[in-house]
Amino acid sequence: MSSEGDIMPPHFFAKGQNVNKEVYLDVMQTVVKAWMTQIATGRPYLYQQDGAPAHTSNLVQNWCLENLDMFWSKEFWPPSSPDLNLFFNKKL
């Protein structure tokens, strides 16, 4: 989903298919990047993803750094922080 409210159509994997770094990279190259380029229409964008093993692989991280306008790498996010957990931090 973009900050402008644009929602990418869902992508379905084949039944029983494991999403490893190669499969995920293929989807990034052929589906996600194409959608972001079309929707952004020349505006800069930032891409972030969670810490799934396929997302944090060096193969995918390097591709994202080289091919996306802005990208929050796996080093950007702490692995776990109680300060980021609204349920844990009662002060919020």
PDB file of N, CA and C in Angstrom:
ATOM      1  N   MET A   1       0.843  -1.165   0.000  1.00  0.00           N
ATOM      2  CA  MET A   1       0.000   0.000   0.000  1.00  0.00           C
ATOM      3  C   MET A   1       0.888   1.228   0.000  1.00  0.00           C
ATOM      4  N   SER A   2       0.517   2.197  -0.775  1.00  0.00           N
ATOM      5  CA  SER A   2       1.290   3.431  -0.817  1.00  0.00           C
ATOM      6  C   SER A   2       0.714   4.446   0.163  1.00  0.00           C
ATOM      7  N   SER A   3       1.504   5.462   0.475  1.00  0.00           N
ATOM      8  CA  SER A   3       1.016   6.517   1.368  1.00  0.00           C
ATOM      9  C   SER A   3      -0.077   7.337   0.698  1.00  0.00           C
ATOM     10  N   GLU A   4      -0.216   7.177  -0.601  1.00  0.00           N
ATOM     11  CA  GLU A   4      -1.272   7.861  -1.347  1.00  0.00           C
ATOM     12  C   GLU A   4      -2.561   7.038  -1.362  1.00  0.00           C
ATOM     13  N   GLY A   5      -2.524   5.841  -0.769  1.00  0.00           N
ATOM     14  CA  GLY A   5      -3.707   4.991  -0.704  1.00  0.00           C
ATOM     15  C   GLY A   5      -3.805   3.959  -1.814  1.00  0.00           C
ATOM     16  N   ASP A   6      -2.815   3.899  -2.692  1.00  0.00           N
ATOM     17  CA  ASP A   6      -2.823   2.890  -3.754  1.00  0.00           C
ATOM     18  C   ASP A   6      -2.510   1.519  -3.160  1.00  0.00           C
ATOM     19  N   ILE A   7      -3.262   0.521  -3.562  1.00  0.00           N
ATOM     20  CA  ILE A   7      -3.081  -0.828  -3.027  1.00  0.00           C
ATOM     21  C   ILE A   7      -2.682  -1.764  -4.160  1.00  0.00           C
ATOM     22  N   MET A   8      -1.565  -2.458  -3.975  1.00  0.00           N
ATOM     23  CA  MET A   8      -1.091  -3.407  -4.975  1.00  0.00           C
ATOM     24  C   MET A   8      -2.003  -4.632  -4.980  1.00  0.00           C
ATOM     25  N   PRO A   9      -2.384  -5.111  -6.160  1.00  0.00           N
ATOM     26  CA  PRO A   9      -3.196  -6.330  -6.210  1.00  0.00           C
ATOM     27  C   PRO A   9      -2.440  -7.497  -5.572  1.00  0.00           C
ATOM     28  N   PRO A  10      -3.157  -8.459  -5.010  1.00  0.00           N
ATOM     29  CA  PRO A  10      -2.471  -9.592  -4.379  1.00  0.00           C
ATOM     30  C   PRO A  10      -1.734 -10.442  -5.407  1.00  0.00           C
ATOM     31  N   HIS A  11      -0.677 -11.055  -4.952  1.00  0.00           N
ATOM     32  CA  HIS A  11       0.073 -12.011  -5.779  1.00  0.00           C
ATOM     33  C   HIS A  11      -0.061 -13.374  -5.110  1.00  0.00           C
ATOM     34  N   PHE A  12      -0.466 -14.370  -5.862  1.00  0.00           N
ATOM     35  CA  PHE A  12      -0.654 -15.709  -5.315  1.00  0.00           C
ATOM     36  C   PHE A  12       0.459 -16.630  -5.801  1.00  0.00           C
ATOM     37  N   PHE A  13       1.008 -17.396  -4.883  1.00  0.00           N
ATOM     38  CA  PHE A  13       2.026 -18.380  -5.208  1.00  0.00           C
ATOM     39  C   PHE A  13       1.349 -19.716  -5.478  1.00  0.00           C
ATOM     40  N   ALA A  14       2.038 -20.572  -6.202  1.00  0.00           N
ATOM     41  CA  ALA A  14       1.506 -21.905  -6.487  1.00  0.00           C
ATOM     42  C   ALA A  14       1.328 -22.672  -5.178  1.00  0.00           C
ATOM     43  N   LYS A  15       0.313 -23.512  -5.138  1.00  0.00           N
ATOM     44  CA  LYS A  15       0.052 -24.313  -3.953  1.00  0.00           C
ATOM     45  C   LYS A  15       1.288 -25.132  -3.602  1.00  0.00           C
ATOM     46  N   GLY A  16       1.707 -25.048  -2.361  1.00  0.00           N
ATOM     47  CA  GLY A  16       2.852 -25.805  -1.888  1.00  0.00           C
ATOM     48  C   GLY A  16       4.199 -25.183  -2.202  1.00  0.00           C
ATOM     49  N   GLN A  17       4.201 -24.053  -2.887  1.00  0.00           N
ATOM     50  CA  GLN A  17       5.471 -23.414  -3.241  1.00  0.00           C
ATOM     51  C   GLN A  17       6.103 -22.766  -2.016  1.00  0.00           C
ATOM     52  N   ASN A  18       7.370 -23.033  -1.808  1.00  0.00           N
ATOM     53  CA  ASN A  18       8.115 -22.380  -0.734  1.00  0.00           C
ATOM     54  C   ASN A  18       8.695 -21.081  -1.268  1.00  0.00           C
ATOM     55  N   VAL A  19       8.531 -20.020  -0.505  1.00  0.00           N
ATOM     56  CA  VAL A  19       9.060 -18.726  -0.919  1.00  0.00           C
ATOM     57  C   VAL A  19      10.448 -18.569  -0.317  1.00  0.00           C
ATOM     58  N   ASN A  20      11.442 -18.903  -1.125  1.00  0.00           N
ATOM     59  CA  ASN A  20      12.824 -18.717  -0.710  1.00  0.00           C
ATOM     60  C   ASN A  20      13.336 -17.414  -1.326  1.00  0.00           C
ATOM     61  N   LYS A  21      14.603 -17.120  -1.155  1.00  0.00           N
ATOM     62  CA  LYS A  21      15.130 -15.842  -1.635  1.00  0.00           C
ATOM     63  C   LYS A  21      15.031 -15.703  -3.154  1.00  0.00           C
ATOM     64  N   GLU A  22      15.208 -16.793  -3.909  1.00  0.00           N
ATOM     65  CA  GLU A  22      15.117 -16.713  -5.366  1.00  0.00           C
ATOM     66  C   GLU A  22      13.682 -16.448  -5.829  1.00  0.00           C
ATOM     67  N   VAL A  23      12.725 -17.124  -5.221  1.00  0.00           N
ATOM     68  CA  VAL A  23      11.313 -16.920  -5.565  1.00  0.00           C
ATOM     69  C   VAL A  23      10.893 -15.500  -5.197  1.00  0.00           C
ATOM     70  N   TYR A  24      11.272 -15.055  -4.006  1.00  0.00           N
ATOM     71  CA  TYR A  24      10.912 -13.708  -3.570  1.00  0.00           C
ATOM     72  C   TYR A  24      11.541 -12.652  -4.476  1.00  0.00           C
ATOM     73  N   LEU A  25      12.800 -12.838  -4.852  1.00  0.00           N
ATOM     74  CA  LEU A  25      13.464 -11.882  -5.736  1.00  0.00           C
ATOM     75  C   LEU A  25      12.759 -11.817  -7.087  1.00  0.00           C
ATOM     76  N   ASP A  26      12.336 -12.947  -7.612  1.00  0.00           N
ATOM     77  CA  ASP A  26      11.605 -12.955  -8.881  1.00  0.00           C
ATOM     78  C   ASP A  26      10.325 -12.137  -8.776  1.00  0.00           C
ATOM     79  N   VAL A  27       9.601 -12.276  -7.683  1.00  0.00           N
ATOM     80  CA  VAL A  27       8.375 -11.497  -7.481  1.00  0.00           C
ATOM     81  C   VAL A  27       8.712 -10.008  -7.345  1.00  0.00           C
ATOM     82  N   MET A  28       9.780  -9.700  -6.639  1.00  0.00           N
ATOM     83  CA  MET A  28      10.200  -8.297  -6.519  1.00  0.00           C
ATOM     84  C   MET A  28      10.501  -7.708  -7.898  1.00  0.00           C
ATOM     85  N   GLN A  29      11.200  -8.461  -8.729  1.00  0.00           N
ATOM     86  CA  GLN A  29      11.608  -7.970 -10.047  1.00  0.00           C
ATOM     87  C   GLN A  29      10.444  -7.863 -11.024  1.00  0.00           C
ATOM     88  N   THR A  30       9.564  -8.844 -11.026  1.00  0.00           N
ATOM     89  CA  THR A  30       8.527  -8.919 -12.059  1.00  0.00           C
ATOM     90  C   THR A  30       7.169  -8.361 -11.645  1.00  0.00           C
ATOM     91  N   VAL A  31       6.900  -8.290 -10.349  1.00  0.00           N
ATOM     92  CA  VAL A  31       5.583  -7.844  -9.890  1.00  0.00           C
ATOM     93  C   VAL A  31       5.685  -6.535  -9.103  1.00  0.00           C
ATOM     94  N   VAL A  32       6.422  -6.555  -8.023  1.00  0.00           N
ATOM     95  CA  VAL A  32       6.450  -5.415  -7.099  1.00  0.00           C
ATOM     96  C   VAL A  32       7.099  -4.186  -7.730  1.00  0.00           C
ATOM     97  N   LYS A  33       8.282  -4.340  -8.292  1.00  0.00           N
ATOM     98  CA  LYS A  33       8.985  -3.193  -8.886  1.00  0.00           C
ATOM     99  C   LYS A  33       8.169  -2.584 -10.016  1.00  0.00           C
ATOM    100  N   ALA A  34       7.572  -3.423 -10.856  1.00  0.00           N
ATOM    101  CA  ALA A  34       6.750  -2.919 -11.961  1.00  0.00           C
ATOM    102  C   ALA A  34       5.565  -2.116 -11.437  1.00  0.00           C
ATOM    103  N   TRP A  35       4.912  -2.602 -10.387  1.00  0.00           N
ATOM    104  CA  TRP A  35       3.769  -1.887  -9.814  1.00  0.00           C
ATOM    105  C   TRP A  35       4.213  -0.562  -9.210  1.00  0.00           C
ATOM    106  N   MET A  36       5.316  -0.574  -8.462  1.00  0.00           N
ATOM    107  CA  MET A  36       5.788   0.663  -7.831  1.00  0.00           C
ATOM    108  C   MET A  36       6.177   1.699  -8.882  1.00  0.00           C
ATOM    109  N   THR A  37       6.812   1.273  -9.952  1.00  0.00           N
ATOM    110  CA  THR A  37       7.202   2.198 -11.017  1.00  0.00           C
ATOM    111  C   THR A  37       5.972   2.814 -11.665  1.00  0.00           C
ATOM    112  N   GLN A  38       4.959   2.006 -11.901  1.00  0.00           N
ATOM    113  CA  GLN A  38       3.726   2.498 -12.519  1.00  0.00           C
ATOM    114  C   GLN A  38       2.989   3.460 -11.590  1.00  0.00           C
ATOM    115  N   ILE A  39       2.869   3.121 -10.326  1.00  0.00           N
ATOM    116  CA  ILE A  39       2.112   3.940  -9.378  1.00  0.00           C
ATOM    117  C   ILE A  39       2.871   5.210  -9.006  1.00  0.00           C
ATOM    118  N   ALA A  40       4.173   5.105  -8.814  1.00  0.00           N
ATOM    119  CA  ALA A  40       4.957   6.268  -8.385  1.00  0.00           C
ATOM    120  C   ALA A  40       5.050   7.322  -9.486  1.00  0.00           C
ATOM    121  N   THR A  41       4.983   6.929 -10.729  1.00  0.00           N
ATOM    122  CA  THR A  41       5.060   7.831 -11.886  1.00  0.00           C
ATOM    123  C   THR A  41       6.103   8.935 -11.712  1.00  0.00           C
ATOM    124  N   GLY A  42       7.319   8.517 -11.415  1.00  0.00           N
ATOM    125  CA  GLY A  42       8.426   9.460 -11.311  1.00  0.00           C
ATOM    126  C   GLY A  42       8.665  10.036  -9.929  1.00  0.00           C
ATOM    127  N   ARG A  43       7.720   9.859  -9.006  1.00  0.00           N
ATOM    128  CA  ARG A  43       7.923  10.358  -7.640  1.00  0.00           C
ATOM    129  C   ARG A  43       8.819   9.391  -6.880  1.00  0.00           C
ATOM    130  N   PRO A  44       9.668   9.901  -5.995  1.00  0.00           N
ATOM    131  CA  PRO A  44      10.490   8.990  -5.194  1.00  0.00           C
ATOM    132  C   PRO A  44       9.610   8.180  -4.240  1.00  0.00           C
ATOM    133  N   TYR A  45      10.036   6.993  -3.924  1.00  0.00           N
ATOM    134  CA  TYR A  45       9.289   6.144  -2.996  1.00  0.00           C
ATOM    135  C   TYR A  45      10.257   5.432  -2.072  1.00  0.00           C
ATOM    136  N   LEU A  46       9.733   4.964  -0.951  1.00  0.00           N
ATOM    137  CA  LEU A  46      10.512   4.205   0.024  1.00  0.00           C
ATOM    138  C   LEU A  46       9.876   2.837   0.167  1.00  0.00           C
ATOM    139  N   TYR A  47      10.687   1.795   0.153  1.00  0.00           N
ATOM    140  CA  TYR A  47      10.179   0.433   0.288  1.00  0.00           C
ATOM    141  C   TYR A  47      10.695  -0.163   1.586  1.00  0.00           C
ATOM    142  N   GLN A  48       9.799  -0.786   2.326  1.00  0.00           N
ATOM    143  CA  GLN A  48      10.210  -1.490   3.543  1.00  0.00           C
ATOM    144  C   GLN A  48       9.537  -2.848   3.569  1.00  0.00           C
ATOM    145  N   GLN A  49      10.179  -3.796   4.221  1.00  0.00           N
ATOM    146  CA  GLN A  49       9.643  -5.152   4.327  1.00  0.00           C
ATOM    147  C   GLN A  49       9.953  -5.698   5.711  1.00  0.00           C
ATOM    148  N   ASP A  50       9.355  -6.820   6.040  1.00  0.00           N
ATOM    149  CA  ASP A  50       9.590  -7.392   7.367  1.00  0.00           C
ATOM    150  C   ASP A  50      10.861  -8.238   7.369  1.00  0.00           C
ATOM    151  N   GLY A  51      11.087  -8.945   8.452  1.00  0.00           N
ATOM    152  CA  GLY A  51      12.330  -9.686   8.632  1.00  0.00           C
ATOM    153  C   GLY A  51      12.273 -11.147   8.237  1.00  0.00           C
ATOM    154  N   ALA A  52      11.376 -11.521   7.327  1.00  0.00           N
ATOM    155  CA  ALA A  52      11.331 -12.909   6.855  1.00  0.00           C
ATOM    156  C   ALA A  52      12.676 -13.281   6.230  1.00  0.00           C
ATOM    157  N   PRO A  53      13.118 -14.523   6.386  1.00  0.00           N
ATOM    158  CA  PRO A  53      14.426 -14.918   5.848  1.00  0.00           C
ATOM    159  C   PRO A  53      14.617 -14.594   4.365  1.00  0.00           C
ATOM    160  N   ALA A  54      13.600 -14.786   3.548  1.00  0.00           N
ATOM    161  CA  ALA A  54      13.736 -14.458   2.119  1.00  0.00           C
ATOM    162  C   ALA A  54      13.951 -12.964   1.916  1.00  0.00           C
ATOM    163  N   HIS A  55      13.355 -12.144   2.767  1.00  0.00           N
ATOM    164  CA  HIS A  55      13.473 -10.686   2.643  1.00  0.00           C
ATOM    165  C   HIS A  55      14.837 -10.188   3.086  1.00  0.00           C
ATOM    166  N   THR A  56      15.430 -10.853   4.050  1.00  0.00           N
ATOM    167  CA  THR A  56      16.688 -10.372   4.627  1.00  0.00           C
ATOM    168  C   THR A  56      17.922 -11.035   4.017  1.00  0.00           C
ATOM    169  N   SER A  57      17.727 -11.874   3.021  1.00  0.00           N
ATOM    170  CA  SER A  57      18.881 -12.513   2.370  1.00  0.00           C
ATOM    171  C   SER A  57      19.737 -11.449   1.691  1.00  0.00           C
ATOM    172  N   ASN A  58      21.030 -11.705   1.606  1.00  0.00           N
ATOM    173  CA  ASN A  58      21.931 -10.760   0.943  1.00  0.00           C
ATOM    174  C   ASN A  58      21.537 -10.540  -0.513  1.00  0.00           C
ATOM    175  N   LEU A  59      21.080 -11.593  -1.182  1.00  0.00           N
ATOM    176  CA  LEU A  59      20.658 -11.486  -2.575  1.00  0.00           C
ATOM    177  C   LEU A  59      19.560 -10.433  -2.733  1.00  0.00           C
ATOM    178  N   VAL A  60      18.521 -10.524  -1.916  1.00  0.00           N
ATOM    179  CA  VAL A  60      17.388  -9.603  -2.000  1.00  0.00           C
ATOM    180  C   VAL A  60      17.772  -8.220  -1.491  1.00  0.00           C
ATOM    181  N   GLN A  61      18.486  -8.150  -0.380  1.00  0.00           N
ATOM    182  CA  GLN A  61      18.896  -6.851   0.162  1.00  0.00           C
ATOM    183  C   GLN A  61      19.727  -6.071  -0.857  1.00  0.00           C
ATOM    184  N   ASN A  62      20.680  -6.732  -1.491  1.00  0.00           N
ATOM    185  CA  ASN A  62      21.518  -6.056  -2.489  1.00  0.00           C
ATOM    186  C   ASN A  62      20.709  -5.601  -3.692  1.00  0.00           C
ATOM    187  N   TRP A  63      19.780  -6.441  -4.154  1.00  0.00           N
ATOM    188  CA  TRP A  63      18.943  -6.053  -5.286  1.00  0.00           C
ATOM    189  C   TRP A  63      18.105  -4.829  -4.928  1.00  0.00           C
ATOM    190  N   CYS A  64      17.517  -4.824  -3.750  1.00  0.00           N
ATOM    191  CA  CYS A  64      16.693  -3.685  -3.327  1.00  0.00           C
ATOM    192  C   CYS A  64      17.520  -2.404  -3.251  1.00  0.00           C
ATOM    193  N   LEU A  65      18.701  -2.494  -2.674  1.00  0.00           N
ATOM    194  CA  LEU A  65      19.564  -1.314  -2.566  1.00  0.00           C
ATOM    195  C   LEU A  65      19.953  -0.772  -3.941  1.00  0.00           C
ATOM    196  N   GLU A  66      20.121  -1.641  -4.912  1.00  0.00           N
ATOM    197  CA  GLU A  66      20.543  -1.228  -6.250  1.00  0.00           C
ATOM    198  C   GLU A  66      19.385  -0.813  -7.156  1.00  0.00           C
ATOM    199  N   ASN A  67      18.163  -1.264  -6.873  1.00  0.00           N
ATOM    200  CA  ASN A  67      17.064  -1.080  -7.826  1.00  0.00           C
ATOM    201  C   ASN A  67      15.878  -0.269  -7.334  1.00  0.00           C
ATOM    202  N   LEU A  68      15.823   0.054  -6.063  1.00  0.00           N
ATOM    203  CA  LEU A  68      14.695   0.814  -5.535  1.00  0.00           C
ATOM    204  C   LEU A  68      15.148   2.219  -5.156  1.00  0.00           C
ATOM    205  N   ASP A  69      14.235   3.188  -5.293  1.00  0.00           N
ATOM    206  CA  ASP A  69      14.581   4.578  -4.973  1.00  0.00           C
ATOM    207  C   ASP A  69      15.171   4.699  -3.577  1.00  0.00           C
ATOM    208  N   MET A  70      14.393   4.296  -2.602  1.00  0.00           N
ATOM    209  CA  MET A  70      14.830   4.303  -1.204  1.00  0.00           C
ATOM    210  C   MET A  70      14.393   2.980  -0.597  1.00  0.00           C
ATOM    211  N   PHE A  71      15.224   2.451   0.279  1.00  0.00           N
ATOM    212  CA  PHE A  71      14.950   1.128   0.832  1.00  0.00           C
ATOM    213  C   PHE A  71      15.488   1.063   2.250  1.00  0.00           C
ATOM    214  N   TRP A  72      14.659   0.593   3.173  1.00  0.00           N
ATOM    215  CA  TRP A  72      15.102   0.389   4.550  1.00  0.00           C
ATOM    216  C   TRP A  72      15.642  -1.028   4.653  1.00  0.00           C
ATOM    217  N   SER A  73      16.952  -1.144   4.785  1.00  0.00           N
ATOM    218  CA  SER A  73      17.588  -2.457   4.843  1.00  0.00           C
ATOM    219  C   SER A  73      17.331  -3.130   6.188  1.00  0.00           C
ATOM    220  N   LYS A  74      17.750  -4.389   6.278  1.00  0.00           N
ATOM    221  CA  LYS A  74      17.539  -5.148   7.515  1.00  0.00           C
ATOM    222  C   LYS A  74      18.290  -4.528   8.685  1.00  0.00           C
ATOM    223  N   GLU A  75      19.355  -3.781   8.426  1.00  0.00           N
ATOM    224  CA  GLU A  75      20.106  -3.137   9.503  1.00  0.00           C
ATOM    225  C   GLU A  75      19.386  -1.913  10.066  1.00  0.00           C
ATOM    226  N   PHE A  76      18.400  -1.400   9.339  1.00  0.00           N
ATOM    227  CA  PHE A  76      17.688  -0.201   9.775  1.00  0.00           C
ATOM    228  C   PHE A  76      16.818  -0.467  10.995  1.00  0.00           C
ATOM    229  N   TRP A  77      16.192  -1.639  11.037  1.00  0.00           N
ATOM    230  CA  TRP A  77      15.267  -1.979  12.114  1.00  0.00           C
ATOM    231  C   TRP A  77      15.974  -2.778  13.198  1.00  0.00           C
ATOM    232  N   PRO A  78      15.708  -2.469  14.469  1.00  0.00           N
ATOM    233  CA  PRO A  78      16.260  -3.318  15.528  1.00  0.00           C
ATOM    234  C   PRO A  78      15.524  -4.661  15.525  1.00  0.00           C
ATOM    235  N   PRO A  79      16.195  -5.754  15.910  1.00  0.00           N
ATOM    236  CA  PRO A  79      15.535  -7.057  15.897  1.00  0.00           C
ATOM    237  C   PRO A  79      14.338  -7.116  16.839  1.00  0.00           C
ATOM    238  N   SER A  80      14.428  -6.412  17.947  1.00  0.00           N
ATOM    239  CA  SER A  80      13.326  -6.377  18.904  1.00  0.00           C
ATOM    240  C   SER A  80      13.540  -5.190  19.821  1.00  0.00           C
ATOM    241  N   SER A  81      12.497  -4.424  20.014  1.00  0.00           N
ATOM    242  CA  SER A  81      12.619  -3.271  20.895  1.00  0.00           C
ATOM    243  C   SER A  81      11.311  -3.058  21.636  1.00  0.00           C
ATOM    244  N   PRO A  82      11.329  -3.105  22.967  1.00  0.00           N
ATOM    245  CA  PRO A  82      10.094  -2.854  23.707  1.00  0.00           C
ATOM    246  C   PRO A  82       9.569  -1.442  23.477  1.00  0.00           C
ATOM    247  N   ASP A  83      10.442  -0.512  23.106  1.00  0.00           N
ATOM    248  CA  ASP A  83       9.997   0.855  22.842  1.00  0.00           C
ATOM    249  C   ASP A  83       9.082   0.931  21.628  1.00  0.00           C
ATOM    250  N   LEU A  84       9.182  -0.029  20.723  1.00  0.00           N
ATOM    251  CA  LEU A  84       8.362  -0.031  19.523  1.00  0.00           C
ATOM    252  C   LEU A  84       7.079  -0.838  19.693  1.00  0.00           C
ATOM    253  N   ASN A  85       6.891  -1.444  20.840  1.00  0.00           N
ATOM    254  CA  ASN A  85       5.722  -2.273  21.097  1.00  0.00           C
ATOM    255  C   ASN A  85       4.717  -1.468  21.911  1.00  0.00           C
ATOM    256  N   LEU A  86       3.615  -1.067  21.280  1.00  0.00           N
ATOM    257  CA  LEU A  86       2.620  -0.239  21.959  1.00  0.00           C
ATOM    258  C   LEU A  86       1.939  -0.970  23.109  1.00  0.00           C
ATOM    259  N   PHE A  87       1.832  -2.286  23.027  1.00  0.00           N
ATOM    260  CA  PHE A  87       1.188  -3.043  24.089  1.00  0.00           C
ATOM    261  C   PHE A  87       2.104  -3.201  25.294  1.00  0.00           C
ATOM    262  N   PHE A  88       3.399  -3.280  25.043  1.00  0.00           N
ATOM    263  CA  PHE A  88       4.367  -3.456  26.118  1.00  0.00           C
ATOM    264  C   PHE A  88       4.640  -2.139  26.834  1.00  0.00           C
ATOM    265  N   ASN A  89       4.715  -1.063  26.082  1.00  0.00           N
ATOM    266  CA  ASN A  89       5.058   0.236  26.637  1.00  0.00           C
ATOM    267  C   ASN A  89       3.786   0.924  27.132  1.00  0.00           C
ATOM    268  N   LYS A  90       3.516   0.851  28.414  1.00  0.00           N
ATOM    269  CA  LYS A  90       2.284   1.388  29.009  1.00  0.00           C
ATOM    270  C   LYS A  90       2.238   2.911  28.972  1.00  0.00           C
ATOM    271  N   LYS A  91       3.384   3.568  28.793  1.00  0.00           N
ATOM    272  CA  LYS A  91       3.416   5.023  28.778  1.00  0.00           C
ATOM    273  C   LYS A  91       2.731   5.594  27.547  1.00  0.00           C
ATOM    274  N   LEU A  92       2.635   4.810  26.487  1.00  0.00           N
ATOM    275  CA  LEU A  92       1.981   5.294  25.277  1.00  0.00           C
ATOM    276  C   LEU A  92       0.505   5.113  25.435  1.00  0.00           C
TER     277      LEU A  92
END
